[in-house]
Each structure stands twice: as C-alpha cells, then as structure tokens.
Amino acid sequence: TLHAGGKFDDSAYKTSGGLHGVGSSVVNALSVYMDVQISRDGA
C-alpha cells in the first residue's frame, strides 16, 4: 500500500528519511520478486 508506514507521527520515529510511506511498496512494485524475512517477537 502506498503511503503506509510508521513515519507519519512521532511515536515510532522522531526523524526519518522515508517520509512519504512509499519506499518499500515502490521497490516491491518495480521488482520481479521481493522476498521478506522479518525477525520479531521470537520468530
């Protein structure tokens, strides 16, 4: 989703380079494939 991210308020990021919330989704859209692994909450 364009314009979805944690950069739109101060709760997660005080300052940020990615402010439009489009970076990850744009890279995804312009790639043959994108594989994501997220290590969080013990898994």
PDB file of all heavy atoms in Angstrom:
ATOM      1  N   THR A   1       0.834  -1.201   0.000  1.00  0.00           N
ATOM      2  CA  THR A   1       0.000   0.000   0.000  1.00  0.00           C
ATOM      3  C   THR A   1       0.867   1.250   0.000  1.00  0.00           C
ATOM      4  O   THR A   1       1.745   1.397   0.857  1.00  0.00           O
ATOM      5  CB  THR A   1      -0.917   0.031   1.247  1.00  0.00           C
ATOM      6  OG1 THR A   1      -1.611  -1.218   1.348  1.00  0.00           O
ATOM      7  CG2 THR A   1      -1.915   1.175   1.158  1.00  0.00           C
ATOM      8  N   LEU A   2       0.621   2.145  -0.952  1.00  0.00           N
ATOM      9  CA  LEU A   2       1.316   3.424  -0.956  1.00  0.00           C
ATOM     10  C   LEU A   2       0.879   4.246   0.260  1.00  0.00           C
ATOM     11  O   LEU A   2      -0.274   4.178   0.692  1.00  0.00           O
ATOM     12  CB  LEU A   2       1.002   4.203  -2.230  1.00  0.00           C
ATOM     13  CG  LEU A   2       1.551   3.638  -3.536  1.00  0.00           C
ATOM     14  CD1 LEU A   2       1.081   4.482  -4.718  1.00  0.00           C
ATOM     15  CD2 LEU A   2       3.068   3.585  -3.515  1.00  0.00           C
ATOM     16  N   HIS A   3       1.829   5.006   0.797  1.00  0.00           N
ATOM     17  CA  HIS A   3       1.552   5.890   1.932  1.00  0.00           C
ATOM     18  C   HIS A   3       1.103   5.104   3.165  1.00  0.00           C
ATOM     19  O   HIS A   3       0.223   5.533   3.898  1.00  0.00           O
ATOM     20  CB  HIS A   3       0.507   6.948   1.567  1.00  0.00           C
ATOM     21  CG  HIS A   3       0.827   7.680   0.305  1.00  0.00           C
ATOM     22  ND1 HIS A   3       1.930   8.502   0.173  1.00  0.00           N
ATOM     23  CD2 HIS A   3       0.216   7.682  -0.906  1.00  0.00           C
ATOM     24  CE1 HIS A   3       1.972   8.984  -1.055  1.00  0.00           C
ATOM     25  NE2 HIS A   3       0.954   8.503  -1.725  1.00  0.00           N
ATOM     26  N   ALA A   4       1.731   3.933   3.337  1.00  0.00           N
ATOM     27  CA  ALA A   4       1.527   3.180   4.574  1.00  0.00           C
ATOM     28  C   ALA A   4       2.886   2.993   5.223  1.00  0.00           C
ATOM     29  O   ALA A   4       3.828   2.541   4.582  1.00  0.00           O
ATOM     30  CB  ALA A   4       0.890   1.818   4.278  1.00  0.00           C
ATOM     31  N   GLY A   5       3.020   3.375   6.482  1.00  0.00           N
ATOM     32  CA  GLY A   5       4.312   3.231   7.148  1.00  0.00           C
ATOM     33  C   GLY A   5       4.266   3.827   8.535  1.00  0.00           C
ATOM     34  O   GLY A   5       3.234   4.325   8.989  1.00  0.00           O
ATOM     35  N   GLY A   6       5.406   3.808   9.215  1.00  0.00           N
ATOM     36  CA  GLY A   6       5.472   4.307  10.587  1.00  0.00           C
ATOM     37  C   GLY A   6       6.077   5.679  10.696  1.00  0.00           C
ATOM     38  O   GLY A   6       6.576   6.054  11.749  1.00  0.00           O
ATOM     39  N   LYS A   7       6.055   6.462   9.587  1.00  0.00           N
ATOM     40  CA  LYS A   7       6.760   7.746   9.577  1.00  0.00           C
ATOM     41  C   LYS A   7       5.808   8.952   9.641  1.00  0.00           C
ATOM     42  O   LYS A   7       6.232  10.079   9.462  1.00  0.00           O
ATOM     43  CB  LYS A   7       7.606   7.858   8.288  1.00  0.00           C
ATOM     44  CG  LYS A   7       8.356   6.592   7.910  1.00  0.00           C
ATOM     45  CD  LYS A   7       9.455   6.235   8.874  1.00  0.00           C
ATOM     46  CE  LYS A   7      10.142   4.920   8.499  1.00  0.00           C
ATOM     47  NZ  LYS A   7      10.836   4.952   7.235  1.00  0.00           N
ATOM     48  N   PHE A   8       4.537   8.700   9.889  1.00  0.00           N
ATOM     49  CA  PHE A   8       3.576   9.795   9.805  1.00  0.00           C
ATOM     50  C   PHE A   8       3.253  10.440  11.149  1.00  0.00           C
ATOM     51  O   PHE A   8       2.500  11.386  11.233  1.00  0.00           O
ATOM     52  CB  PHE A   8       2.281   9.316   9.132  1.00  0.00           C
ATOM     53  CG  PHE A   8       2.496   8.864   7.724  1.00  0.00           C
ATOM     54  CD1 PHE A   8       2.513   7.514   7.402  1.00  0.00           C
ATOM     55  CD2 PHE A   8       2.723   9.778   6.709  1.00  0.00           C
ATOM     56  CE1 PHE A   8       2.723   7.106   6.099  1.00  0.00           C
ATOM     57  CE2 PHE A   8       2.929   9.376   5.410  1.00  0.00           C
ATOM     58  CZ  PHE A   8       2.937   8.031   5.107  1.00  0.00           C
ATOM     59  N   ASP A   9       3.787   9.890  12.236  1.00  0.00           N
ATOM     60  CA  ASP A   9       3.646  10.556  13.524  1.00  0.00           C
ATOM     61  C   ASP A   9       4.953  10.385  14.285  1.00  0.00           C
ATOM     62  O   ASP A   9       5.904   9.807  13.778  1.00  0.00           O
ATOM     63  CB  ASP A   9       2.448  10.009  14.323  1.00  0.00           C
ATOM     64  CG  ASP A   9       2.553   8.512  14.582  1.00  0.00           C
ATOM     65  OD1 ASP A   9       3.663   8.054  14.925  1.00  0.00           O
ATOM     66  OD2 ASP A   9       1.528   7.816  14.446  1.00  0.00           O
ATOM     67  N   ASP A  10       5.036  10.907  15.484  1.00  0.00           N
ATOM     68  CA  ASP A  10       6.285  10.905  16.240  1.00  0.00           C
ATOM     69  C   ASP A  10       6.448   9.692  17.139  1.00  0.00           C
ATOM     70  O   ASP A  10       7.436   9.575  17.853  1.00  0.00           O
ATOM     71  CB  ASP A  10       6.361  12.175  17.118  1.00  0.00           C
ATOM     72  CG  ASP A  10       6.374  13.441  16.264  1.00  0.00           C
ATOM     73  OD1 ASP A  10       6.804  13.348  15.107  1.00  0.00           O
ATOM     74  OD2 ASP A  10       5.954  14.496  16.774  1.00  0.00           O
ATOM     75  N   SER A  11       5.483   8.771  17.123  1.00  0.00           N
ATOM     76  CA  SER A  11       5.526   7.684  18.095  1.00  0.00           C
ATOM     77  C   SER A  11       6.647   6.695  17.817  1.00  0.00           C
ATOM     78  O   SER A  11       7.257   6.164  18.740  1.00  0.00           O
ATOM     79  CB  SER A  11       4.174   6.958  18.112  1.00  0.00           C
ATOM     80  OG  SER A  11       3.893   6.407  16.830  1.00  0.00           O
ATOM     81  N   ALA A  12       6.946   6.411  16.553  1.00  0.00           N
ATOM     82  CA  ALA A  12       7.959   5.407  16.218  1.00  0.00           C
ATOM     83  C   ALA A  12       9.262   6.027  15.759  1.00  0.00           C
ATOM     84  O   ALA A  12      10.336   5.491  15.989  1.00  0.00           O
ATOM     85  CB  ALA A  12       7.419   4.469  15.131  1.00  0.00           C
ATOM     86  N   TYR A  13       9.179   7.172  15.051  1.00  0.00           N
ATOM     87  CA  TYR A  13      10.376   7.803  14.504  1.00  0.00           C
ATOM     88  C   TYR A  13      10.329   9.303  14.747  1.00  0.00           C
ATOM     89  O   TYR A  13       9.406   9.978  14.299  1.00  0.00           O
ATOM     90  CB  TYR A  13      10.478   7.558  12.989  1.00  0.00           C
ATOM     91  CG  TYR A  13      10.634   6.113  12.602  1.00  0.00           C
ATOM     92  CD1 TYR A  13       9.523   5.341  12.266  1.00  0.00           C
ATOM     93  CD2 TYR A  13      11.890   5.521  12.569  1.00  0.00           C
ATOM     94  CE1 TYR A  13       9.661   4.005  11.913  1.00  0.00           C
ATOM     95  CE2 TYR A  13      12.043   4.192  12.213  1.00  0.00           C
ATOM     96  CZ  TYR A  13      10.927   3.442  11.878  1.00  0.00           C
ATOM     97  OH  TYR A  13      11.071   2.140  11.533  1.00  0.00           O
ATOM     98  N   LYS A  14      11.353   9.825  15.440  1.00  0.00           N
ATOM     99  CA  LYS A  14      11.438  11.265  15.646  1.00  0.00           C
ATOM    100  C   LYS A  14      11.837  11.963  14.361  1.00  0.00           C
ATOM    101  O   LYS A  14      11.263  12.963  13.950  1.00  0.00           O
ATOM    102  CB  LYS A  14      12.447  11.582  16.757  1.00  0.00           C
ATOM    103  CG  LYS A  14      12.558  13.070  17.060  1.00  0.00           C
ATOM    104  CD  LYS A  14      13.595  13.327  18.144  1.00  0.00           C
ATOM    105  CE  LYS A  14      13.740  14.823  18.407  1.00  0.00           C
ATOM    106  NZ  LYS A  14      14.787  15.106  19.406  1.00  0.00           N
ATOM    107  N   THR A  15      12.897  11.437  13.710  1.00  0.00           N
ATOM    108  CA  THR A  15      13.290  11.940  12.390  1.00  0.00           C
ATOM    109  C   THR A  15      13.446  10.760  11.457  1.00  0.00           C
ATOM    110  O   THR A  15      13.764   9.655  11.885  1.00  0.00           O
ATOM    111  CB  THR A  15      14.629  12.703  12.441  1.00  0.00           C
ATOM    112  OG1 THR A  15      15.654  11.818  12.895  1.00  0.00           O
ATOM    113  CG2 THR A  15      14.539  13.908  13.340  1.00  0.00           C
ATOM    114  N   SER A  16      13.211  11.012  10.172  1.00  0.00           N
ATOM    115  CA  SER A  16      13.214   9.916   9.226  1.00  0.00           C
ATOM    116  C   SER A  16      13.530  10.418   7.835  1.00  0.00           C
ATOM    117  O   SER A  16      13.157  11.532   7.459  1.00  0.00           O
ATOM    118  CB  SER A  16      11.837   9.239   9.237  1.00  0.00           C
ATOM    119  OG  SER A  16      11.653   8.459   8.083  1.00  0.00           O
ATOM    120  N   GLY A  17      14.226   9.591   7.051  1.00  0.00           N
ATOM    121  CA  GLY A  17      14.467   9.924   5.641  1.00  0.00           C
ATOM    122  C   GLY A  17      13.297   9.505   4.781  1.00  0.00           C
ATOM    123  O   GLY A  17      12.980  10.129   3.784  1.00  0.00           O
ATOM    124  N   GLY A  18      12.637   8.399   5.157  1.00  0.00           N
ATOM    125  CA  GLY A  18      11.494   7.924   4.380  1.00  0.00           C
ATOM    126  C   GLY A  18      10.215   8.468   4.954  1.00  0.00           C
ATOM    127  O   GLY A  18       9.674   7.949   5.916  1.00  0.00           O
ATOM    128  N   LEU A  19       9.711   9.540   4.368  1.00  0.00           N
ATOM    129  CA  LEU A  19       8.569  10.238   4.976  1.00  0.00           C
ATOM    130  C   LEU A  19       7.272  10.072   4.208  1.00  0.00           C
ATOM    131  O   LEU A  19       6.208  10.376   4.713  1.00  0.00           O
ATOM    132  CB  LEU A  19       8.894  11.736   5.091  1.00  0.00           C
ATOM    133  CG  LEU A  19       9.988  12.043   6.104  1.00  0.00           C
ATOM    134  CD1 LEU A  19      10.517  13.429   5.878  1.00  0.00           C
ATOM    135  CD2 LEU A  19       9.467  11.907   7.513  1.00  0.00           C
ATOM    136  N   HIS A  20       7.354   9.612   2.965  1.00  0.00           N
ATOM    137  CA  HIS A  20       6.142   9.528   2.167  1.00  0.00           C
ATOM    138  C   HIS A  20       5.434   8.183   2.330  1.00  0.00           C
ATOM    139  O   HIS A  20       4.323   8.004   1.853  1.00  0.00           O
ATOM    140  CB  HIS A  20       6.471   9.738   0.683  1.00  0.00           C
ATOM    141  CG  HIS A  20       7.073  11.085   0.406  1.00  0.00           C
ATOM    142  ND1 HIS A  20       6.341  12.236   0.479  1.00  0.00           N
ATOM    143  CD2 HIS A  20       8.330  11.453   0.069  1.00  0.00           C
ATOM    144  CE1 HIS A  20       7.128  13.271   0.183  1.00  0.00           C
ATOM    145  NE2 HIS A  20       8.331  12.813  -0.063  1.00  0.00           N
ATOM    146  N   GLY A  21       6.110   7.205   2.954  1.00  0.00           N
ATOM    147  CA  GLY A  21       5.494   5.900   3.132  1.00  0.00           C
ATOM    148  C   GLY A  21       5.348   5.144   1.835  1.00  0.00           C
ATOM    149  O   GLY A  21       4.451   4.314   1.698  1.00  0.00           O
ATOM    150  N   VAL A  22       6.179   5.421   0.846  1.00  0.00           N
ATOM    151  CA  VAL A  22       6.053   4.741  -0.441  1.00  0.00           C
ATOM    152  C   VAL A  22       7.277   3.915  -0.794  1.00  0.00           C
ATOM    153  O   VAL A  22       7.258   3.144  -1.743  1.00  0.00           O
ATOM    154  CB  VAL A  22       5.774   5.750  -1.587  1.00  0.00           C
ATOM    155  CG1 VAL A  22       4.504   6.511  -1.321  1.00  0.00           C
ATOM    156  CG2 VAL A  22       6.934   6.713  -1.775  1.00  0.00           C
ATOM    157  N   GLY A  23       8.383   4.062  -0.035  1.00  0.00           N
ATOM    158  CA  GLY A  23       9.646   3.433  -0.422  1.00  0.00           C
ATOM    159  C   GLY A  23       9.567   1.938  -0.626  1.00  0.00           C
ATOM    160  O   GLY A  23       9.835   1.420  -1.711  1.00  0.00           O
ATOM    161  N   SER A  24       9.181   1.199   0.407  1.00  0.00           N
ATOM    162  CA  SER A  24       9.154  -0.266   0.334  1.00  0.00           C
ATOM    163  C   SER A  24       8.157  -0.756  -0.701  1.00  0.00           C
ATOM    164  O   SER A  24       8.427  -1.691  -1.456  1.00  0.00           O
ATOM    165  CB  SER A  24       8.814  -0.849   1.707  1.00  0.00           C
ATOM    166  OG  SER A  24       9.795  -0.503   2.659  1.00  0.00           O
ATOM    167  N   SER A  25       6.993  -0.141  -0.732  1.00  0.00           N
ATOM    168  CA  SER A  25       5.970  -0.584  -1.676  1.00  0.00           C
ATOM    169  C   SER A  25       6.364  -0.288  -3.118  1.00  0.00           C
ATOM    170  O   SER A  25       6.053  -1.069  -4.025  1.00  0.00           O
ATOM    171  CB  SER A  25       4.620   0.072  -1.346  1.00  0.00           C
ATOM    172  OG  SER A  25       4.732   1.482  -1.310  1.00  0.00           O
ATOM    173  N   VAL A  26       7.075   0.816  -3.345  1.00  0.00           N
ATOM    174  CA  VAL A  26       7.530   1.145  -4.697  1.00  0.00           C
ATOM    175  C   VAL A  26       8.578   0.135  -5.160  1.00  0.00           C
ATOM    176  O   VAL A  26       8.534  -0.344  -6.299  1.00  0.00           O
ATOM    177  CB  VAL A  26       8.097   2.580  -4.745  1.00  0.00           C
ATOM    178  CG1 VAL A  26       8.904   2.803  -6.012  1.00  0.00           C
ATOM    179  CG2 VAL A  26       6.963   3.588  -4.675  1.00  0.00           C
ATOM    180  N   VAL A  27       9.524  -0.200  -4.302  1.00  0.00           N
ATOM    181  CA  VAL A  27      10.530  -1.200  -4.652  1.00  0.00           C
ATOM    182  C   VAL A  27       9.847  -2.531  -4.960  1.00  0.00           C
ATOM    183  O   VAL A  27      10.202  -3.223  -5.924  1.00  0.00           O
ATOM    184  CB  VAL A  27      11.555  -1.370  -3.511  1.00  0.00           C
ATOM    185  CG1 VAL A  27      12.557  -2.470  -3.851  1.00  0.00           C
ATOM    186  CG2 VAL A  27      12.287  -0.061  -3.267  1.00  0.00           C
ATOM    187  N   ASN A  28       8.860  -2.873  -4.169  1.00  0.00           N
ATOM    188  CA  ASN A  28       8.103  -4.100  -4.395  1.00  0.00           C
ATOM    189  C   ASN A  28       7.434  -4.096  -5.770  1.00  0.00           C
ATOM    190  O   ASN A  28       7.522  -5.067  -6.532  1.00  0.00           O
ATOM    191  CB  ASN A  28       7.057  -4.255  -3.294  1.00  0.00           C
ATOM    192  CG  ASN A  28       6.333  -5.583  -3.346  1.00  0.00           C
ATOM    193  OD1 ASN A  28       6.790  -6.539  -3.963  1.00  0.00           O
ATOM    194  ND2 ASN A  28       5.191  -5.658  -2.691  1.00  0.00           N
ATOM    195  N   ALA A  29       6.800  -2.978  -6.096  1.00  0.00           N
ATOM    196  CA  ALA A  29       6.071  -2.878  -7.368  1.00  0.00           C
ATOM    197  C   ALA A  29       6.983  -2.988  -8.571  1.00  0.00           C
ATOM    198  O   ALA A  29       6.576  -3.485  -9.630  1.00  0.00           O
ATOM    199  CB  ALA A  29       5.298  -1.562  -7.417  1.00  0.00           C
ATOM    200  N   LEU A  30       8.240  -2.531  -8.432  1.00  0.00           N
ATOM    201  CA  LEU A  30       9.151  -2.470  -9.571  1.00  0.00           C
ATOM    202  C   LEU A  30      10.136  -3.634  -9.608  1.00  0.00           C
ATOM    203  O   LEU A  30      11.125  -3.588 -10.332  1.00  0.00           O
ATOM    204  CB  LEU A  30       9.917  -1.140  -9.543  1.00  0.00           C
ATOM    205  CG  LEU A  30       9.045   0.121  -9.561  1.00  0.00           C
ATOM    206  CD1 LEU A  30       9.902   1.376  -9.523  1.00  0.00           C
ATOM    207  CD2 LEU A  30       8.146   0.133 -10.788  1.00  0.00           C
ATOM    208  N   SER A  31       9.847  -4.686  -8.847  1.00  0.00           N
ATOM    209  CA  SER A  31      10.719  -5.851  -8.792  1.00  0.00           C
ATOM    210  C   SER A  31      10.021  -7.087  -9.354  1.00  0.00           C
ATOM    211  O   SER A  31       8.805  -7.250  -9.212  1.00  0.00           O
ATOM    212  CB  SER A  31      11.141  -6.140  -7.342  1.00  0.00           C
ATOM    213  OG  SER A  31      11.862  -5.054  -6.806  1.00  0.00           O
ATOM    214  N   VAL A  32      10.812  -7.962  -9.988  1.00  0.00           N
ATOM    215  CA  VAL A  32      10.280  -9.250 -10.447  1.00  0.00           C
ATOM    216  C   VAL A  32       9.763 -10.012  -9.238  1.00  0.00           C
ATOM    217  O   VAL A  32       8.690 -10.610  -9.266  1.00  0.00           O
ATOM    218  CB  VAL A  32      11.376 -10.060 -11.173  1.00  0.00           C
ATOM    219  CG1 VAL A  32      10.859 -11.453 -11.529  1.00  0.00           C
ATOM    220  CG2 VAL A  32      11.836  -9.334 -12.424  1.00  0.00           C
ATOM    221  N   TYR A  33      10.547 -10.003  -8.180  1.00  0.00           N
ATOM    222  CA  TYR A  33      10.086 -10.582  -6.918  1.00  0.00           C
ATOM    223  C   TYR A  33      10.708  -9.827  -5.757  1.00  0.00           C
ATOM    224  O   TYR A  33      11.746  -9.171  -5.894  1.00  0.00           O
ATOM    225  CB  TYR A  33      10.424 -12.075  -6.819  1.00  0.00           C
ATOM    226  CG  TYR A  33      11.908 -12.366  -6.691  1.00  0.00           C
ATOM    227  CD1 TYR A  33      12.566 -12.246  -5.469  1.00  0.00           C
ATOM    228  CD2 TYR A  33      12.651 -12.781  -7.784  1.00  0.00           C
ATOM    229  CE1 TYR A  33      13.916 -12.503  -5.340  1.00  0.00           C
ATOM    230  CE2 TYR A  33      14.012 -13.051  -7.678  1.00  0.00           C
ATOM    231  CZ  TYR A  33      14.637 -12.907  -6.449  1.00  0.00           C
ATOM    232  OH  TYR A  33      15.980 -13.156  -6.337  1.00  0.00           O
ATOM    233  N   MET A  34      10.079  -9.903  -4.620  1.00  0.00           N
ATOM    234  CA  MET A  34      10.638  -9.402  -3.374  1.00  0.00           C
ATOM    235  C   MET A  34      10.376 -10.439  -2.296  1.00  0.00           C
ATOM    236  O   MET A  34       9.238 -10.873  -2.117  1.00  0.00           O
ATOM    237  CB  MET A  34      10.032  -8.060  -2.971  1.00  0.00           C
ATOM    238  CG  MET A  34      10.524  -7.574  -1.601  1.00  0.00           C
ATOM    239  SD  MET A  34       9.742  -6.046  -1.055  1.00  0.00           S
ATOM    240  CE  MET A  34      10.756  -4.849  -1.912  1.00  0.00           C
ATOM    241  N   ASP A  35      11.444 -10.862  -1.627  1.00  0.00           N
ATOM    242  CA  ASP A  35      11.333 -11.849  -0.555  1.00  0.00           C
ATOM    243  C   ASP A  35      11.672 -11.163   0.767  1.00  0.00           C
ATOM    244  O   ASP A  35      12.704 -10.503   0.884  1.00  0.00           O
ATOM    245  CB  ASP A  35      12.283 -13.016  -0.812  1.00  0.00           C
ATOM    246  CG  ASP A  35      11.919 -14.222   0.022  1.00  0.00           C
ATOM    247  OD1 ASP A  35      11.115 -15.046  -0.453  1.00  0.00           O
ATOM    248  OD2 ASP A  35      12.438 -14.346   1.153  1.00  0.00           O
ATOM    249  N   VAL A  36      10.797 -11.311   1.740  1.00  0.00           N
ATOM    250  CA  VAL A  36      10.928 -10.591   3.008  1.00  0.00           C
ATOM    251  C   VAL A  36      10.979 -11.571   4.170  1.00  0.00           C
ATOM    252  O   VAL A  36      10.151 -12.472   4.262  1.00  0.00           O
ATOM    253  CB  VAL A  36       9.742  -9.621   3.213  1.00  0.00           C
ATOM    254  CG1 VAL A  36       9.915  -8.839   4.502  1.00  0.00           C
ATOM    255  CG2 VAL A  36       9.597  -8.680   2.022  1.00  0.00           C
ATOM    256  N   GLN A  37      11.982 -11.380   5.040  1.00  0.00           N
ATOM    257  CA  GLN A  37      12.057 -12.128   6.289  1.00  0.00           C
ATOM    258  C   GLN A  37      12.169 -11.130   7.437  1.00  0.00           C
ATOM    259  O   GLN A  37      13.088 -10.303   7.450  1.00  0.00           O
ATOM    260  CB  GLN A  37      13.249 -13.085   6.301  1.00  0.00           C
ATOM    261  CG  GLN A  37      13.124 -14.224   5.302  1.00  0.00           C
ATOM    262  CD  GLN A  37      14.251 -15.223   5.421  1.00  0.00           C
ATOM    263  OE1 GLN A  37      14.845 -15.377   6.490  1.00  0.00           O
ATOM    264  NE2 GLN A  37      14.553 -15.907   4.330  1.00  0.00           N
ATOM    265  N   ILE A  38      11.244 -11.217   8.373  1.00  0.00           N
ATOM    266  CA  ILE A  38      11.191 -10.283   9.496  1.00  0.00           C
ATOM    267  C   ILE A  38      11.388 -11.059  10.783  1.00  0.00           C
ATOM    268  O   ILE A  38      10.602 -11.958  11.111  1.00  0.00           O
ATOM    269  CB  ILE A  38       9.846  -9.533   9.533  1.00  0.00           C
ATOM    270  CG1 ILE A  38       9.637  -8.752   8.225  1.00  0.00           C
ATOM    271  CG2 ILE A  38       9.787  -8.595  10.729  1.00  0.00           C
ATOM    272  CD1 ILE A  38       8.239  -8.205   8.053  1.00  0.00           C
ATOM    273  N   SER A  39      12.459 -10.712  11.505  1.00  0.00           N
ATOM    274  CA  SER A  39      12.734 -11.360  12.797  1.00  0.00           C
ATOM    275  C   SER A  39      12.189 -10.463  13.906  1.00  0.00           C
ATOM    276  O   SER A  39      12.694  -9.366  14.136  1.00  0.00           O
ATOM    277  CB  SER A  39      14.239 -11.572  12.973  1.00  0.00           C
ATOM    278  OG  SER A  39      14.732 -12.431  11.959  1.00  0.00           O
ATOM    279  N   ARG A  40      11.171 -10.961  14.557  1.00  0.00           N
ATOM    280  CA  ARG A  40      10.484 -10.134  15.570  1.00  0.00           C
ATOM    281  C   ARG A  40       9.620 -11.032  16.455  1.00  0.00           C
ATOM    282  O   ARG A  40       9.097 -12.044  15.981  1.00  0.00           O
ATOM    283  CB  ARG A  40       9.628  -9.076  14.866  1.00  0.00           C
ATOM    284  CG  ARG A  40       8.983  -8.058  15.792  1.00  0.00           C
ATOM    285  CD  ARG A  40       8.130  -7.083  15.019  1.00  0.00           C
ATOM    286  NE  ARG A  40       7.393  -6.219  15.922  1.00  0.00           N
ATOM    287  CZ  ARG A  40       7.673  -4.945  16.165  1.00  0.00           C
ATOM    288  NH1 ARG A  40       8.691  -4.378  15.550  1.00  0.00           N
ATOM    289  NH2 ARG A  40       6.952  -4.240  17.005  1.00  0.00           N
ATOM    290  N   ASP A  41       9.506 -10.646  17.671  1.00  0.00           N
ATOM    291  CA  ASP A  41       8.633 -11.371  18.612  1.00  0.00           C
ATOM    292  C   ASP A  41       9.002 -12.848  18.705  1.00  0.00           C
ATOM    293  O   ASP A  41       8.128 -13.720  18.810  1.00  0.00           O
ATOM    294  CB  ASP A  41       7.156 -11.218  18.191  1.00  0.00           C
ATOM    295  CG  ASP A  41       6.729  -9.770  18.106  1.00  0.00           C
ATOM    296  OD1 ASP A  41       7.291  -8.951  18.860  1.00  0.00           O
ATOM    297  OD2 ASP A  41       5.856  -9.458  17.275  1.00  0.00           O
ATOM    298  N   GLY A  42      10.312 -13.145  18.618  1.00  0.00           N
ATOM    299  CA  GLY A  42      10.785 -14.520  18.816  1.00  0.00           C
ATOM    300  C   GLY A  42      10.667 -15.424  17.613  1.00  0.00           C
ATOM    301  O   GLY A  42      10.918 -16.629  17.721  1.00  0.00           O
ATOM    302  N   ALA A  43      10.275 -14.874  16.443  1.00  0.00           N
ATOM    303  CA  ALA A  43      10.085 -15.727  15.269  1.00  0.00           C
ATOM    304  C   ALA A  43      10.543 -15.016  13.992  1.00  0.00           C
ATOM    305  O   ALA A  43      10.633 -13.788  13.947  1.00  0.00           O
ATOM    306  CB  ALA A  43       8.617 -16.125  15.150  1.00  0.00           C
TER     307      ALA A  43
END
